[in-house]
């Protein structure tokens, strides 16, 4: 499943971030393969808002279409 298909309130695990340069930047925000985060909001054709501990991170729609996830709950 792709991050762009996540639903608000869903707990997800990041399975794959394909681009090495994006992966390096995502690690700085605590987003890495195996990380579990909560999807707090999805804006149609806009960003996906993820909640990771005490911060919220907006992932652009195009990037969200490249990140593989799986549902935890």
N, C-alpha and C. Protein backbone atom coordinates (compact mmCIF):
# COMPACT_ATOMS: atom_id res chain seq x y z
N UNK A 1 0.85 -1.17 0.00
CA UNK A 1 0.00 0.00 0.00
C UNK A 1 0.90 1.24 0.00
N UNK A 2 0.41 2.30 -0.57
CA UNK A 2 1.17 3.55 -0.66
C UNK A 2 0.73 4.53 0.43
N UNK A 3 1.64 5.38 0.85
CA UNK A 3 1.33 6.39 1.87
C UNK A 3 0.20 7.29 1.41
N UNK A 4 0.10 7.57 0.13
CA UNK A 4 -0.96 8.43 -0.38
C UNK A 4 -2.35 7.81 -0.18
N UNK A 5 -2.42 6.50 0.11
CA UNK A 5 -3.70 5.81 0.34
C UNK A 5 -4.04 5.65 1.81
N UNK A 6 -3.22 6.20 2.69
CA UNK A 6 -3.49 6.09 4.13
C UNK A 6 -4.75 6.88 4.47
N UNK A 7 -5.36 6.51 5.59
CA UNK A 7 -6.56 7.21 6.03
C UNK A 7 -6.31 7.85 7.40
N UNK A 8 -6.95 8.98 7.66
CA UNK A 8 -6.76 9.65 8.95
C UNK A 8 -7.09 8.73 10.13
N UNK A 9 -6.22 8.77 11.13
CA UNK A 9 -6.38 7.93 12.32
C UNK A 9 -5.69 6.59 12.23
N UNK A 10 -5.24 6.22 11.05
CA UNK A 10 -4.61 4.92 10.83
C UNK A 10 -3.16 4.94 11.34
N UNK A 11 -2.77 3.87 12.04
CA UNK A 11 -1.38 3.68 12.44
C UNK A 11 -0.72 2.87 11.33
N UNK A 12 0.39 3.38 10.83
CA UNK A 12 1.06 2.72 9.70
C UNK A 12 2.52 2.46 10.03
N UNK A 13 3.10 1.54 9.31
CA UNK A 13 4.54 1.27 9.38
C UNK A 13 5.13 1.54 8.01
N UNK A 14 6.22 2.26 7.99
CA UNK A 14 6.89 2.56 6.72
C UNK A 14 7.68 1.33 6.29
N UNK A 15 7.39 0.84 5.09
CA UNK A 15 8.03 -0.37 4.58
C UNK A 15 9.21 -0.02 3.69
N UNK A 16 9.05 0.99 2.82
CA UNK A 16 10.10 1.30 1.86
C UNK A 16 10.06 2.77 1.45
N UNK A 17 11.23 3.39 1.48
CA UNK A 17 11.43 4.73 0.92
C UNK A 17 12.47 4.54 -0.17
N UNK A 18 12.04 4.51 -1.44
CA UNK A 18 12.92 4.07 -2.52
C UNK A 18 14.10 4.98 -2.85
N UNK A 19 13.95 6.27 -2.78
CA UNK A 19 15.01 7.20 -3.18
C UNK A 19 15.99 7.42 -2.02
N UNK A 20 17.29 7.11 -2.22
CA UNK A 20 18.28 7.25 -1.15
C UNK A 20 18.40 8.67 -0.58
N UNK A 21 18.29 9.69 -1.41
CA UNK A 21 18.42 11.06 -0.90
C UNK A 21 17.19 11.44 -0.07
N UNK A 22 16.01 10.99 -0.49
CA UNK A 22 14.80 11.26 0.28
C UNK A 22 14.84 10.45 1.58
N UNK A 23 15.33 9.24 1.52
CA UNK A 23 15.45 8.40 2.71
C UNK A 23 16.33 9.08 3.75
N UNK A 24 17.44 9.66 3.32
CA UNK A 24 18.35 10.35 4.24
C UNK A 24 17.66 11.55 4.90
N UNK A 25 16.89 12.31 4.14
CA UNK A 25 16.17 13.45 4.70
C UNK A 25 15.07 12.99 5.64
N UNK A 26 14.37 11.93 5.30
CA UNK A 26 13.27 11.43 6.12
C UNK A 26 13.76 10.95 7.48
N UNK A 27 14.95 10.37 7.51
CA UNK A 27 15.52 9.88 8.77
C UNK A 27 15.67 11.02 9.77
N UNK A 28 15.98 12.20 9.29
CA UNK A 28 16.13 13.37 10.17
C UNK A 28 14.83 13.71 10.89
N UNK A 29 13.69 13.33 10.30
CA UNK A 29 12.39 13.59 10.90
C UNK A 29 11.83 12.37 11.63
N UNK A 30 12.65 11.33 11.76
CA UNK A 30 12.20 10.13 12.44
C UNK A 30 11.37 9.21 11.57
N UNK A 31 11.43 9.41 10.26
CA UNK A 31 10.72 8.54 9.32
C UNK A 31 11.74 7.64 8.63
N UNK A 32 11.69 6.39 8.97
CA UNK A 32 12.62 5.42 8.41
C UNK A 32 11.88 4.11 8.21
N UNK A 33 12.46 3.22 7.46
CA UNK A 33 11.83 1.93 7.21
C UNK A 33 11.69 1.18 8.53
N UNK A 34 10.46 0.81 8.85
CA UNK A 34 10.17 0.14 10.12
C UNK A 34 9.54 1.06 11.15
N UNK A 35 9.57 2.38 10.92
CA UNK A 35 8.98 3.34 11.86
C UNK A 35 7.46 3.25 11.82
N UNK A 36 6.84 3.34 12.99
CA UNK A 36 5.39 3.35 13.07
C UNK A 36 4.93 4.76 13.42
N UNK A 37 4.04 5.30 12.61
CA UNK A 37 3.53 6.66 12.78
C UNK A 37 2.02 6.66 12.58
N UNK A 38 1.39 7.76 12.96
CA UNK A 38 -0.06 7.89 12.80
C UNK A 38 -0.36 8.88 11.70
N UNK A 39 -1.27 8.53 10.82
CA UNK A 39 -1.74 9.44 9.78
C UNK A 39 -2.80 10.33 10.42
N UNK A 40 -2.53 11.62 10.55
CA UNK A 40 -3.49 12.49 11.21
C UNK A 40 -4.42 13.18 10.21
N UNK A 41 -3.98 13.37 8.97
CA UNK A 41 -4.84 14.02 7.98
C UNK A 41 -4.33 13.72 6.58
N UNK A 42 -5.27 13.62 5.63
CA UNK A 42 -4.94 13.47 4.22
C UNK A 42 -5.73 14.52 3.47
N UNK A 43 -5.03 15.37 2.76
CA UNK A 43 -5.68 16.41 1.97
C UNK A 43 -5.71 15.92 0.52
N UNK A 44 -6.90 15.87 -0.07
CA UNK A 44 -7.06 15.34 -1.43
C UNK A 44 -6.09 16.02 -2.40
N UNK A 45 -5.26 15.23 -3.06
CA UNK A 45 -4.22 15.67 -3.99
C UNK A 45 -3.26 16.66 -3.34
N UNK A 46 -3.21 16.64 -2.04
CA UNK A 46 -2.29 17.49 -1.27
C UNK A 46 -1.46 16.62 -0.35
N UNK A 47 -0.90 17.21 0.67
CA UNK A 47 -0.01 16.44 1.55
C UNK A 47 -0.73 15.45 2.46
N UNK A 48 0.05 14.49 2.92
CA UNK A 48 -0.38 13.55 3.95
C UNK A 48 0.31 14.02 5.23
N UNK A 49 -0.45 14.23 6.29
CA UNK A 49 0.11 14.72 7.54
C UNK A 49 0.31 13.52 8.47
N UNK A 50 1.56 13.33 8.88
CA UNK A 50 1.90 12.22 9.77
C UNK A 50 2.25 12.76 11.14
N UNK A 51 1.86 12.03 12.15
CA UNK A 51 2.17 12.39 13.53
C UNK A 51 3.20 11.39 14.04
N UNK A 52 4.35 11.92 14.43
CA UNK A 52 5.43 11.09 14.93
C UNK A 52 5.86 11.65 16.27
N UNK A 53 5.49 10.96 17.33
CA UNK A 53 5.72 11.43 18.69
C UNK A 53 5.05 12.79 18.89
N UNK A 54 5.81 13.83 19.15
CA UNK A 54 5.24 15.15 19.44
C UNK A 54 5.30 16.11 18.25
N UNK A 55 5.53 15.60 17.05
CA UNK A 55 5.61 16.47 15.88
C UNK A 55 4.71 15.97 14.76
N UNK A 56 4.29 16.89 13.90
CA UNK A 56 3.54 16.54 12.71
C UNK A 56 4.38 16.90 11.50
N UNK A 57 4.36 16.01 10.52
CA UNK A 57 5.18 16.16 9.33
C UNK A 57 4.26 16.05 8.11
N UNK A 58 4.36 17.01 7.20
CA UNK A 58 3.58 16.98 5.96
C UNK A 58 4.43 16.38 4.85
N UNK A 59 3.91 15.35 4.22
CA UNK A 59 4.59 14.68 3.11
C UNK A 59 3.80 15.01 1.85
N UNK A 60 4.45 15.63 0.89
CA UNK A 60 3.78 16.00 -0.37
C UNK A 60 3.18 14.79 -1.07
N UNK A 61 2.12 15.05 -1.83
CA UNK A 61 1.37 13.97 -2.48
C UNK A 61 2.25 13.12 -3.41
N UNK A 62 3.07 13.77 -4.22
CA UNK A 62 3.93 13.01 -5.15
C UNK A 62 4.89 12.10 -4.41
N UNK A 63 5.46 12.60 -3.33
CA UNK A 63 6.38 11.78 -2.54
C UNK A 63 5.61 10.66 -1.84
N UNK A 64 4.42 10.97 -1.34
CA UNK A 64 3.61 9.96 -0.66
C UNK A 64 3.23 8.81 -1.59
N UNK A 65 3.16 9.07 -2.88
CA UNK A 65 2.86 8.02 -3.85
C UNK A 65 4.04 7.07 -4.06
N UNK A 66 5.21 7.40 -3.54
CA UNK A 66 6.39 6.56 -3.73
C UNK A 66 6.76 5.78 -2.47
N UNK A 67 6.17 6.12 -1.33
CA UNK A 67 6.52 5.48 -0.06
C UNK A 67 5.57 4.33 0.21
N UNK A 68 6.15 3.15 0.38
CA UNK A 68 5.38 1.93 0.67
C UNK A 68 5.12 1.84 2.17
N UNK A 69 3.89 1.51 2.55
CA UNK A 69 3.53 1.36 3.96
C UNK A 69 2.72 0.09 4.15
N UNK A 70 2.51 -0.27 5.41
CA UNK A 70 1.53 -1.30 5.75
C UNK A 70 0.78 -0.83 6.98
N UNK A 71 -0.45 -1.24 7.08
CA UNK A 71 -1.31 -0.84 8.19
C UNK A 71 -0.97 -1.66 9.43
N UNK A 72 -0.84 -0.96 10.56
CA UNK A 72 -0.61 -1.64 11.83
C UNK A 72 -1.94 -1.77 12.56
N UNK A 73 -2.78 -0.73 12.46
CA UNK A 73 -4.13 -0.81 13.06
C UNK A 73 -5.05 0.17 12.36
